[in-house]
Amino acid sequence: MNRDIAVMSQHVDELLWEYIRQDDHKAFEVLFVKYYRELTNTAFYYNSNSEEAEEIAADVLHSLWQKRATLEISSSLKAYLSVATRNATFNILRKKILVIETLTDAVVNEHRAEATDHMESKDIEEGIDRALRQLTARQREIFRLHRFQEYHPSEIAQLLQLSEGTVNFQLHKANKRLKEYFKGLIKKTGQYTEA
């Protein structure tokens, strides 16, 4: 019986897609109502931010409407929407990681510049080592491979037999922890000024 429902749902999706491709906005509204909550849940599963999850689901569905004339869907509509939602969520997470890495680099560089005025080279190395000890062993290993040996996350994933998502997540956590550490260190030394 469940198989019959799934087959029927797929046929309904095929009909809706056919009407959507013919610019039928009512068919799109039906599709939107049918999949919005499911796509929101998919995005939330990966992102854990309900507002962003709702925005991602709406954007994916809106994109489907915008591309209706040229988009060729080789799988089921449901599978296409699910993959598109997951990819859109990952793209947002990648952008967040990039921002955090950029901020971390800025804080580290700022700290290095300020520390250079006050410390010898050995003291700087000890400070970086102390900062790295704030990380878990796994985060430290991944961070060193990425920052000091310039491995790409996909290379690290292959080397350590982890998923690329796990590597990116661990880099994100390491960057966040280091940023907090250096921010606290700068505040303690009285060299931190609020913007």
Protein backbone atom coordinates (compact mmCIF):
# COMPACT_ATOMS: atom_id res chain seq x y z
CA MET A 1 0.00 0.00 0.00
CA ASN A 2 2.83 2.43 0.85
CA ARG A 3 4.40 1.64 -2.51
CA ASP A 4 1.10 2.49 -4.23
CA ILE A 5 0.98 5.83 -2.42
CA ALA A 6 4.58 6.59 -3.39
CA VAL A 7 3.88 5.74 -7.05
CA MET A 8 0.72 7.86 -6.99
CA SER A 9 2.61 10.74 -5.39
CA GLN A 10 5.26 10.53 -8.09
CA HIS A 11 2.58 10.62 -10.80
CA VAL A 12 1.02 13.67 -9.15
CA ASP A 13 4.47 15.31 -9.09
CA GLU A 14 4.98 14.53 -12.78
CA LEU A 15 1.64 16.12 -13.62
CA LEU A 16 2.37 19.15 -11.46
CA TRP A 17 5.78 19.55 -13.12
CA GLU A 18 4.19 19.31 -16.55
CA TYR A 19 1.73 22.09 -15.66
CA ILE A 20 4.45 24.20 -14.01
CA ARG A 21 6.54 23.98 -17.17
CA GLN A 22 3.50 25.42 -18.98
CA ASP A 23 3.56 28.44 -16.61
CA ASP A 24 0.66 27.24 -14.43
CA HIS A 25 1.18 29.19 -11.20
CA LYS A 26 -1.62 27.30 -9.40
CA ALA A 27 0.23 24.02 -9.99
CA PHE A 28 3.34 25.65 -8.54
CA GLU A 29 1.39 26.76 -5.47
CA VAL A 30 0.20 23.17 -4.95
CA LEU A 31 3.78 21.92 -5.27
CA PHE A 32 5.01 24.63 -2.90
CA VAL A 33 2.49 23.64 -0.23
CA LYS A 34 3.25 19.96 -0.77
CA TYR A 35 7.05 20.25 -0.34
CA TYR A 36 7.79 23.43 1.63
CA ARG A 37 7.67 21.83 5.09
CA GLU A 38 9.65 18.75 4.00
CA LEU A 39 12.37 20.89 2.39
CA THR A 40 12.48 23.14 5.46
CA ASN A 41 13.03 20.06 7.62
CA THR A 42 15.81 18.85 5.29
CA ALA A 43 17.60 22.21 5.47
CA PHE A 44 17.13 22.38 9.25
CA TYR A 45 18.62 18.89 9.65
CA TYR A 46 21.92 20.15 8.23
CA ASN A 47 21.82 23.78 9.36
CA SER A 48 19.95 23.84 12.71
CA ASN A 49 18.70 27.36 12.02
CA SER A 50 14.95 27.46 11.49
CA GLU A 51 14.83 30.88 9.80
CA GLU A 52 17.58 29.95 7.34
CA ALA A 53 15.97 26.55 6.74
CA GLU A 54 12.67 28.23 5.79
CA GLU A 55 14.52 30.66 3.55
CA ILE A 56 16.45 27.86 1.84
CA ALA A 57 13.27 25.85 1.19
CA ALA A 58 11.53 28.89 -0.28
CA ASP A 59 14.59 29.77 -2.40
CA VAL A 60 14.85 26.23 -3.80
CA LEU A 61 11.17 26.21 -4.74
CA HIS A 62 11.40 29.74 -6.17
CA SER A 63 14.44 28.69 -8.21
CA LEU A 64 12.44 25.76 -9.58
CA TRP A 65 9.77 28.20 -10.76
CA GLN A 66 12.37 30.55 -12.28
CA LYS A 67 14.09 27.73 -14.19
CA ARG A 68 10.90 25.88 -15.19
CA ALA A 69 11.31 26.49 -18.91
CA THR A 70 14.86 25.15 -19.15
CA LEU A 71 15.24 22.77 -16.21
CA GLU A 72 15.43 19.07 -17.06
CA ILE A 73 14.80 16.77 -14.11
CA SER A 74 16.06 13.26 -14.73
CA SER A 75 15.14 11.86 -11.31
CA SER A 76 11.88 12.25 -9.45
CA LEU A 77 10.83 15.78 -8.58
CA LYS A 78 10.98 14.90 -4.89
CA ALA A 79 14.58 13.64 -5.21
CA TYR A 80 15.58 16.72 -7.22
CA LEU A 81 14.12 19.08 -4.60
CA SER A 82 15.74 17.17 -1.75
CA VAL A 83 19.20 17.26 -3.36
CA ALA A 84 18.81 20.92 -4.35
CA THR A 85 17.87 21.79 -0.76
CA ARG A 86 20.80 19.86 0.68
CA ASN A 87 23.21 21.53 -1.78
CA ALA A 88 21.83 25.01 -1.05
CA THR A 89 22.24 24.36 2.68
CA PHE A 90 25.83 23.18 2.21
CA ASN A 91 26.60 26.27 0.12
CA ILE A 92 25.40 28.50 2.95
CA LEU A 93 27.43 26.52 5.49
CA ARG A 94 30.53 26.81 3.27
CA LYS A 95 30.06 30.59 3.13
CA LYS A 96 29.76 30.73 6.93
CA ILE A 97 32.94 28.68 7.33
CA LEU A 98 34.74 31.00 4.91
CA VAL A 99 33.66 34.05 6.92
CA ILE A 100 34.79 32.43 10.18
CA GLU A 101 38.13 31.43 8.64
CA THR A 102 38.60 34.96 7.36
CA LEU A 103 37.81 36.42 10.78
CA THR A 104 40.10 33.90 12.45
CA ASP A 105 42.90 34.77 10.05
CA ALA A 106 42.36 38.46 10.76
CA VAL A 107 42.43 37.92 14.53
CA VAL A 108 45.50 35.67 14.29
CA ASN A 109 47.27 38.17 12.03
CA GLU A 110 46.31 41.07 14.29
CA HIS A 111 47.53 39.16 17.31
CA ARG A 112 50.78 38.26 15.55
CA ALA A 113 51.37 41.89 14.58
CA GLU A 114 50.70 43.12 18.12
CA ALA A 115 52.63 40.27 19.67
CA THR A 116 55.64 40.93 17.47
CA ASP A 117 56.01 44.30 19.15
CA HIS A 118 56.05 42.68 22.60
CA MET A 119 57.53 39.23 22.21
CA GLU A 120 60.48 37.41 20.82
CA SER A 121 59.95 34.88 18.04
CA LYS A 122 60.16 32.02 20.54
CA ASP A 123 57.40 33.60 22.63
CA ILE A 124 55.17 33.82 19.56
CA GLU A 125 55.67 30.14 18.79
CA GLU A 126 54.87 29.26 22.40
CA GLY A 127 51.73 31.42 22.20
CA ILE A 128 50.56 29.65 19.06
CA ASP A 129 51.30 26.27 20.66
CA ARG A 130 49.26 27.28 23.72
CA ALA A 131 46.42 28.33 21.42
CA LEU A 132 46.56 25.04 19.52
CA ARG A 133 46.43 23.13 22.81
CA GLN A 134 42.95 24.61 23.26
CA LEU A 135 41.79 22.33 20.44
CA THR A 136 40.93 18.66 20.62
CA ALA A 137 43.56 16.30 19.20
CA ARG A 138 41.44 15.74 16.05
CA GLN A 139 40.85 19.48 15.53
CA ARG A 140 44.55 20.21 16.05
CA GLU A 141 45.54 17.56 13.50
CA ILE A 142 43.06 18.80 10.90
CA PHE A 143 43.90 22.47 11.57
CA ARG A 144 47.65 21.87 11.21
CA LEU A 145 47.18 19.97 7.94
CA HIS A 146 44.97 22.73 6.57
CA ARG A 147 46.77 25.86 7.82
CA PHE A 148 50.41 24.86 8.06
CA GLN A 149 50.69 22.21 5.35
CA GLU A 150 48.03 23.80 3.11
CA TYR A 151 46.03 20.64 2.50
CA HIS A 152 42.55 21.09 1.01
CA PRO A 153 39.68 19.69 3.16
CA SER A 154 39.03 16.97 0.57
CA GLU A 155 42.68 15.89 0.81
CA ILE A 156 42.51 15.86 4.60
CA ALA A 157 39.32 13.81 4.46
CA GLN A 158 40.99 11.25 2.24
CA LEU A 159 44.17 11.19 4.33
CA LEU A 160 42.33 10.75 7.66
CA GLN A 161 39.53 8.61 6.20
CA LEU A 162 36.82 11.10 7.22
CA SER A 163 34.03 12.71 5.28
CA GLU A 164 34.76 16.15 3.85
CA GLY A 165 31.80 17.45 5.85
CA THR A 166 33.43 16.22 9.08
CA VAL A 167 36.71 17.91 8.14
CA ASN A 168 34.92 21.20 7.37
CA PHE A 169 32.95 21.00 10.60
CA GLN A 170 36.12 20.34 12.65
CA LEU A 171 37.88 23.26 10.91
CA HIS A 172 34.91 25.46 11.70
CA LYS A 173 35.01 24.46 15.39
CA ALA A 174 38.80 24.91 15.56
CA ASN A 175 38.64 28.37 13.97
CA LYS A 176 35.88 29.41 16.34
CA ARG A 177 37.78 28.16 19.40
CA LEU A 178 41.03 29.85 18.29
CA LYS A 179 39.22 33.10 17.58
CA GLU A 180 37.76 33.06 21.10
CA TYR A 181 41.15 32.21 22.59
CA PHE A 182 42.96 35.05 20.81
CA LYS A 183 40.19 37.51 21.52
CA GLY A 184 40.43 36.65 25.21
CA LEU A 185 44.22 36.90 25.12
CA ILE A 186 44.10 40.33 23.49
CA LYS A 187 41.56 41.52 26.09
CA LYS A 188 43.79 40.23 28.93
CA THR A 189 46.84 42.06 27.63
CA GLY A 190 44.86 45.28 27.32
CA GLN A 191 45.48 45.54 23.60
CA TYR A 192 41.90 44.88 22.56
CA THR A 193 39.65 47.78 21.66
CA GLU A 194 35.96 47.47 20.88
CA ALA A 195 34.95 48.75 17.44
